[in-house]
């Protein structure tokens, strides 16, 4: 039986000086468990999300958790799938922006949910410092600007 991972990611930024509020709702994940959730550099969902490229990292930092001072701008840790494979997540993005011209400008980039748990850069190997060992890419979407 094939399960399709689907969902929505909503972003809101009240002003240029405020963080971006990220609200996520995803269904079809392997229950229960943690799944890495990141903003990737490129805005493509091709090749099963591999075309999204690496994590969004405009300051060239090593991978970390969302609370770490040193981390990629696109490091948002893990979402938690419940026993039915559903996940809801809410976080503030302090290193990303919806304002054109800012270093962390995120419109046109891709969010990716991963098959495995993000070790938050604490796995003790080179891959951990790049990806958090979060595994394959289950689903992705491109950030688009919508003015309401």
Protein backbone atom coordinates (compact mmCIF):
# COMPACT_ATOMS: atom_id res chain seq x y z
CA UNK A 1 0.00 0.00 0.00
CA UNK A 2 1.39 3.39 -1.01
CA UNK A 3 0.71 6.31 1.31
CA UNK A 4 0.84 9.82 -0.09
CA UNK A 5 2.35 12.53 2.07
CA UNK A 6 0.49 15.81 1.66
CA UNK A 7 -0.16 18.99 3.57
CA UNK A 8 0.11 22.72 3.77
CA UNK A 9 2.71 25.22 4.95
CA UNK A 10 1.55 28.76 5.68
CA UNK A 11 3.94 31.66 6.28
CA UNK A 12 3.15 35.08 7.68
CA UNK A 13 5.37 38.04 8.50
CA UNK A 14 3.74 41.09 10.09
CA UNK A 15 6.65 43.42 9.30
CA UNK A 16 10.27 43.29 8.16
CA UNK A 17 11.47 43.42 11.78
CA UNK A 18 9.26 40.50 12.89
CA UNK A 19 10.04 36.78 12.50
CA UNK A 20 8.15 34.67 9.99
CA UNK A 21 5.39 32.58 11.55
CA UNK A 22 5.36 29.09 9.99
CA UNK A 23 2.27 26.91 10.42
CA UNK A 24 2.48 23.35 9.10
CA UNK A 25 -0.12 20.59 8.70
CA UNK A 26 1.03 17.32 7.11
CA UNK A 27 -0.71 13.96 6.62
CA UNK A 28 0.54 10.54 5.50
CA UNK A 29 3.78 10.39 7.50
CA UNK A 30 5.10 7.16 9.04
CA UNK A 31 3.50 7.04 12.49
CA UNK A 32 4.51 7.80 15.14
CA UNK A 33 7.80 9.60 14.91
CA UNK A 34 9.98 12.58 14.15
CA UNK A 35 10.61 13.87 10.63
CA UNK A 36 13.15 16.53 9.69
CA UNK A 37 11.63 19.74 8.33
CA UNK A 38 13.76 22.25 6.44
CA UNK A 39 13.66 25.13 4.01
CA UNK A 40 15.88 24.23 1.05
CA UNK A 41 17.78 26.61 -1.21
CA UNK A 42 16.12 25.94 -4.55
CA UNK A 43 12.48 26.30 -5.49
CA UNK A 44 12.03 23.05 -7.38
CA UNK A 45 10.03 19.94 -6.50
CA UNK A 46 11.47 17.90 -9.39
CA UNK A 47 13.22 14.54 -9.01
CA UNK A 48 11.26 13.58 -5.87
CA UNK A 49 12.28 16.85 -4.18
CA UNK A 50 16.03 16.31 -4.77
CA UNK A 51 16.03 19.36 -7.07
CA UNK A 52 15.32 21.52 -4.01
CA UNK A 53 19.06 21.40 -3.34
CA UNK A 54 20.68 21.74 0.09
CA UNK A 55 19.24 23.53 3.11
CA UNK A 56 18.85 27.29 2.73
CA UNK A 57 22.08 28.61 4.25
CA UNK A 58 22.87 32.19 3.16
CA UNK A 59 25.37 32.72 6.01
CA UNK A 60 27.30 29.49 5.31
CA UNK A 61 26.84 28.00 8.81
CA UNK A 62 26.86 24.34 9.86
CA UNK A 63 23.56 22.51 10.43
CA UNK A 64 21.85 22.88 13.78
CA UNK A 65 18.55 22.91 15.58
CA UNK A 66 16.00 25.74 15.43
CA UNK A 67 17.13 27.04 18.83
CA UNK A 68 20.87 27.00 18.01
CA UNK A 69 22.63 30.30 17.36
CA UNK A 70 24.80 28.70 14.66
CA UNK A 71 22.57 26.92 12.12
CA UNK A 72 21.26 27.12 8.59
CA UNK A 73 18.51 29.69 8.08
CA UNK A 74 16.35 26.77 6.86
CA UNK A 75 16.86 24.50 9.89
CA UNK A 76 13.46 23.99 11.54
CA UNK A 77 14.13 20.77 13.43
CA UNK A 78 11.54 18.00 13.49
CA UNK A 79 7.81 17.70 13.11
CA UNK A 80 6.10 14.98 15.14
CA UNK A 81 3.77 12.53 13.42
CA UNK A 82 1.03 11.14 15.66
CA UNK A 83 -0.22 7.54 15.61
CA UNK A 84 -2.23 8.31 12.45
CA UNK A 85 0.69 9.89 10.56
CA UNK A 86 -0.57 13.46 10.99
CA UNK A 87 1.64 16.33 12.14
CA UNK A 88 0.94 19.91 13.12
CA UNK A 89 3.82 22.27 13.75
CA UNK A 90 4.16 25.95 14.51
CA UNK A 91 7.49 27.78 14.71
CA UNK A 92 8.89 31.27 14.23
CA UNK A 93 11.59 31.66 11.60
CA UNK A 94 14.04 34.26 12.87
CA UNK A 95 16.58 33.87 10.03
CA UNK A 96 14.17 33.87 7.10
CA UNK A 97 12.08 36.69 5.65
CA UNK A 98 9.24 37.32 3.23
CA UNK A 99 10.63 40.78 2.44
CA UNK A 100 12.38 41.05 -0.95
CA UNK A 101 16.03 42.05 -0.74
CA UNK A 102 16.63 40.58 2.72
CA UNK A 103 19.41 38.02 3.22
CA UNK A 104 16.90 35.42 4.37
CA UNK A 105 14.38 36.01 1.58
CA UNK A 106 12.48 32.74 1.27
CA UNK A 107 9.95 33.20 -1.51
CA UNK A 108 10.82 30.81 -4.34
CA UNK A 109 12.56 28.30 -2.06
CA UNK A 110 11.24 24.85 -1.10
CA UNK A 111 10.16 23.34 2.21
CA UNK A 112 10.95 19.62 2.53
CA UNK A 113 9.74 17.02 5.02
CA UNK A 114 12.20 14.16 5.46
CA UNK A 115 11.77 10.44 6.11
CA UNK A 116 13.97 10.39 9.20
CA UNK A 117 14.71 12.30 12.37
CA UNK A 118 16.91 15.40 12.18
CA UNK A 119 19.73 14.94 14.71
CA UNK A 120 20.09 18.76 14.82
CA UNK A 121 23.75 18.64 13.83
CA UNK A 122 24.72 16.66 16.92
CA UNK A 123 25.31 13.28 15.21
CA UNK A 124 29.08 13.52 15.36
CA UNK A 125 29.74 13.12 11.63
CA UNK A 126 30.11 15.31 8.54
CA UNK A 127 26.63 14.50 7.20
CA UNK A 128 25.10 15.58 10.52
CA UNK A 129 26.75 18.99 10.14
CA UNK A 130 25.24 19.31 6.62
CA UNK A 131 21.80 17.64 6.80
CA UNK A 132 21.17 16.39 10.33
CA UNK A 133 21.07 12.84 8.90
CA UNK A 134 17.35 13.39 8.27
CA UNK A 135 17.17 10.90 5.40
CA UNK A 136 15.23 10.88 2.17
CA UNK A 137 12.77 13.51 1.04
CA UNK A 138 9.11 12.55 1.42
CA UNK A 139 7.36 15.69 0.20
CA UNK A 140 8.09 19.28 -0.71
CA UNK A 141 6.49 22.54 -1.75
CA UNK A 142 7.67 25.88 -3.10
CA UNK A 143 7.06 29.10 -1.16
CA UNK A 144 4.92 31.50 -3.18
CA UNK A 145 3.94 35.06 -2.32
CA UNK A 146 0.23 35.63 -1.76
CA UNK A 147 -0.96 39.10 -0.80
CA UNK A 148 -4.07 39.11 1.36
